[in-house]
Amino acid sequence: MKLAYKIGYGIFTTAVVIIAGLLALTIFPIQNNFQVKIVQSGSMEPAIKTGSIVVVKPQKTYAAGNIITFGKDTVDEVPITHRILESRAINGKIFYTVKGDANNAPDPREVSHEEVIGKVIFDVPYLGFVIDFARTPIGFVLIIGVPAAVVVFDELATIYKESKTLIHRRRERVEKKDEPSSKK
């Protein structure tokens, strides 16, 4: 039973750390490196489901067939993840015609190379719902705060028990040294 508890505790702690890390990456992205974005619509289904997270990495060039994330990522604007249909150069600048897999037609405007955040490296379905919820105050408390408090409390309880055991052992050793030895 102790082994099952340790395994469950390890999985629980790992999940909390991963969710906290992903939350941090969505809030504080590292520019020109891997970024984590949340897919807010179903325009890329079935390839990428609504509520998935996508890990994107900037590339020097993008090709037809690549799935890219582009656009602004602000409080009011959400980046879009679509597939490149074709690219073309106009006056030395690259523009991409993009389309969501579930959409009937390409996007009405082309996307410039400068607007592209990066190429989708992989996605994790539905994890974006958890990260989005963790961004809210109540979600942060429930998903990050409470589990973190449980882990800290459990570790403090373990330290307390170990300290008590050490103190008890030391007392026993001291008492054994202080006992008068009986010689015949």
Protein backbone atom coordinates (compact mmCIF):
# COMPACT_ATOMS: atom_id res chain seq x y z
CA MET A 1 0.00 0.00 0.00
CA LYS A 2 2.90 2.34 0.76
CA LEU A 3 4.30 1.77 -2.74
CA ALA A 4 0.95 2.67 -4.33
CA TYR A 5 0.80 5.82 -2.18
CA LYS A 6 4.33 6.82 -3.20
CA ILE A 7 3.60 6.24 -6.89
CA GLY A 8 0.32 8.18 -6.69
CA TYR A 9 2.01 10.98 -4.75
CA GLY A 10 4.81 11.15 -7.32
CA ILE A 11 2.34 11.31 -10.21
CA PHE A 12 0.28 13.96 -8.39
CA THR A 13 3.35 16.10 -7.65
CA THR A 14 4.64 15.73 -11.22
CA ALA A 15 1.26 16.76 -12.65
CA VAL A 16 1.13 19.86 -10.44
CA VAL A 17 4.67 20.86 -11.47
CA ILE A 18 3.92 20.30 -15.17
CA ILE A 19 0.69 22.30 -15.06
CA ALA A 20 2.42 25.11 -13.14
CA GLY A 21 5.26 25.12 -15.69
CA LEU A 22 2.90 25.18 -18.66
CA LEU A 23 0.90 27.95 -17.01
CA ALA A 24 4.10 29.96 -16.57
CA LEU A 25 5.08 29.34 -20.21
CA THR A 26 1.69 30.54 -21.48
CA ILE A 27 1.86 33.67 -19.32
CA PHE A 28 5.58 34.44 -19.77
CA PRO A 29 6.64 33.04 -23.17
CA ILE A 30 10.33 32.88 -24.01
CA GLN A 31 10.77 34.82 -27.25
CA ASN A 32 12.48 33.05 -30.17
CA ASN A 33 12.22 29.73 -28.40
CA PHE A 34 9.59 27.08 -27.70
CA GLN A 35 6.26 28.59 -26.70
CA VAL A 36 3.05 27.03 -25.45
CA LYS A 37 -0.23 28.32 -26.87
CA ILE A 38 -3.83 27.27 -26.30
CA VAL A 39 -6.06 26.45 -29.29
CA GLN A 40 -9.33 28.31 -28.72
CA SER A 41 -11.37 27.14 -31.73
CA GLY A 42 -12.16 24.02 -33.70
CA SER A 43 -10.82 25.31 -37.01
CA MET A 44 -8.01 22.70 -37.04
CA GLU A 45 -10.10 19.68 -36.05
CA PRO A 46 -9.63 16.77 -36.29
CA ALA A 47 -5.83 17.33 -36.45
CA ILE A 48 -5.81 19.64 -33.39
CA LYS A 49 -8.79 19.65 -31.06
CA THR A 50 -10.31 22.70 -29.38
CA GLY A 51 -8.72 23.19 -25.97
CA SER A 52 -5.43 21.58 -26.94
CA ILE A 53 -2.11 23.14 -26.14
CA VAL A 54 0.35 23.47 -28.99
CA VAL A 55 4.09 23.73 -28.55
CA VAL A 56 5.48 26.00 -31.26
CA LYS A 57 9.03 26.86 -32.28
CA PRO A 58 10.06 29.70 -34.57
CA GLN A 59 11.67 28.60 -37.84
CA LYS A 60 13.60 30.52 -40.46
CA THR A 61 11.34 29.19 -43.20
CA TYR A 62 7.92 27.55 -43.37
CA ALA A 63 6.54 25.33 -46.11
CA ALA A 64 3.16 24.32 -47.45
CA GLY A 65 1.63 21.74 -45.14
CA ASN A 66 3.25 23.15 -41.98
CA ILE A 67 0.88 24.02 -39.17
CA ILE A 68 1.80 27.43 -37.79
CA THR A 69 0.60 29.68 -35.00
CA PHE A 70 0.43 33.36 -35.86
CA GLY A 71 -0.99 36.68 -34.74
CA LYS A 72 -0.97 38.72 -31.57
CA ASP A 73 -1.24 37.16 -28.12
CA THR A 74 -2.82 39.81 -25.91
CA VAL A 75 -5.72 40.04 -23.49
CA ASP A 76 -8.00 41.00 -26.39
CA GLU A 77 -6.42 38.96 -29.19
CA VAL A 78 -5.66 35.26 -29.42
CA PRO A 79 -3.16 33.74 -31.85
CA ILE A 80 -4.49 31.45 -34.56
CA THR A 81 -3.20 28.00 -35.50
CA HIS A 82 -3.74 27.05 -39.18
CA ARG A 83 -2.06 25.07 -41.95
CA ILE A 84 -0.03 26.76 -44.70
CA LEU A 85 -1.47 26.13 -48.16
CA GLU A 86 1.11 28.11 -50.10
CA SER A 87 3.66 30.87 -49.75
CA ARG A 88 4.72 33.69 -52.01
CA ALA A 89 7.17 36.55 -51.98
CA ILE A 90 6.09 40.13 -52.60
CA ASN A 91 8.85 42.75 -52.72
CA GLY A 92 11.17 40.46 -50.78
CA LYS A 93 8.62 39.71 -48.03
CA ILE A 94 7.12 36.25 -47.55
CA PHE A 95 3.35 35.83 -47.20
CA TYR A 96 1.44 32.63 -46.46
CA THR A 97 -2.03 31.57 -47.50
CA VAL A 98 -3.39 29.62 -44.54
CA LYS A 99 -6.52 27.62 -43.77
CA GLY A 100 -7.94 25.76 -40.83
CA ASP A 101 -8.44 22.09 -41.68
CA ALA A 102 -12.13 22.30 -40.66
CA ASN A 103 -12.74 25.50 -42.65
CA ASN A 104 -14.22 25.47 -46.16
CA ALA A 105 -12.00 28.21 -47.55
CA PRO A 106 -8.60 29.77 -46.92
CA ASP A 107 -8.36 32.71 -44.52
CA PRO A 108 -9.40 35.97 -46.20
CA ARG A 109 -6.02 37.62 -45.67
CA GLU A 110 -2.50 36.35 -46.09
CA VAL A 111 -0.16 36.07 -43.09
CA SER A 112 3.24 37.75 -43.27
CA HIS A 113 6.32 35.86 -42.12
CA GLU A 114 6.78 38.45 -39.32
CA GLU A 115 3.37 37.54 -37.82
CA VAL A 116 4.26 33.87 -37.41
CA ILE A 117 5.02 32.84 -33.83
CA GLY A 118 6.24 29.42 -34.86
CA LYS A 119 5.64 26.00 -36.34
CA VAL A 120 3.58 23.55 -34.30
CA ILE A 121 5.95 20.86 -33.03
CA PHE A 122 3.28 18.86 -31.16
CA ASP A 123 -0.05 19.26 -29.41
CA VAL A 124 -1.65 17.84 -26.29
CA PRO A 125 -5.44 17.52 -26.55
CA TYR A 126 -7.66 19.18 -23.93
CA LEU A 127 -4.81 20.31 -21.63
CA GLY A 128 -5.51 23.89 -22.71
CA PHE A 129 -8.83 23.80 -20.84
CA VAL A 130 -6.94 23.05 -17.62
CA ILE A 131 -4.35 25.78 -18.29
CA ASP A 132 -7.07 28.30 -19.16
CA PHE A 133 -8.91 27.47 -15.92
CA ALA A 134 -5.64 27.75 -13.97
CA ARG A 135 -5.28 31.32 -15.29
CA THR A 136 -8.38 32.38 -13.35
CA PRO A 137 -7.99 33.22 -9.64
CA ILE A 138 -10.22 30.35 -8.47
CA GLY A 139 -8.60 27.97 -10.94
CA PHE A 140 -5.12 28.93 -9.77
CA VAL A 141 -6.08 28.25 -6.17
CA LEU A 142 -7.76 24.92 -7.00
CA ILE A 143 -5.26 23.57 -9.52
CA ILE A 144 -1.97 25.00 -8.24
CA GLY A 145 -2.47 26.40 -4.73
CA VAL A 146 -4.35 23.57 -3.01
CA PRO A 147 -2.20 20.74 -4.44
CA ALA A 148 0.97 22.69 -3.65
CA ALA A 149 -0.26 23.24 -0.08
CA VAL A 150 -1.01 19.51 0.25
CA VAL A 151 2.50 18.64 -0.95
CA VAL A 152 4.11 21.18 1.43
CA PHE A 153 1.97 19.99 4.36
CA ASP A 154 2.82 16.36 3.64
CA GLU A 155 6.53 17.16 3.45
CA LEU A 156 6.38 19.14 6.71
CA ALA A 157 4.55 16.24 8.39
CA THR A 158 7.27 13.84 7.19
CA ILE A 159 10.00 16.15 8.50
CA TYR A 160 8.20 16.44 11.85
CA LYS A 161 7.87 12.64 12.17
CA GLU A 162 11.52 12.10 11.26
CA SER A 163 12.63 14.77 13.76
CA LYS A 164 10.56 13.18 16.50
CA THR A 165 12.06 9.77 15.74
CA LEU A 166 15.61 11.20 15.83
CA ILE A 167 14.99 12.97 19.15
CA HIS A 168 13.52 9.77 20.62
CA ARG A 169 16.56 7.72 19.49
CA ARG A 170 18.99 10.26 20.95
CA ARG A 171 17.17 10.21 24.29
CA GLU A 172 17.32 6.43 24.36
CA ARG A 173 21.08 6.52 23.69
CA VAL A 174 21.65 9.12 26.41
CA GLU A 175 19.56 7.12 28.88
CA LYS A 176 21.53 3.94 28.10
CA LYS A 177 24.83 5.77 28.72
CA ASP A 178 23.56 7.19 32.02
CA GLU A 179 22.39 3.81 33.39
CA PRO A 180 24.68 2.48 36.11
CA SER A 181 26.45 -0.64 35.04
CA SER A 182 26.02 -3.54 37.35
CA LYS A 183 29.22 -5.50 38.02
CA LYS A 184 29.40 -8.67 40.05
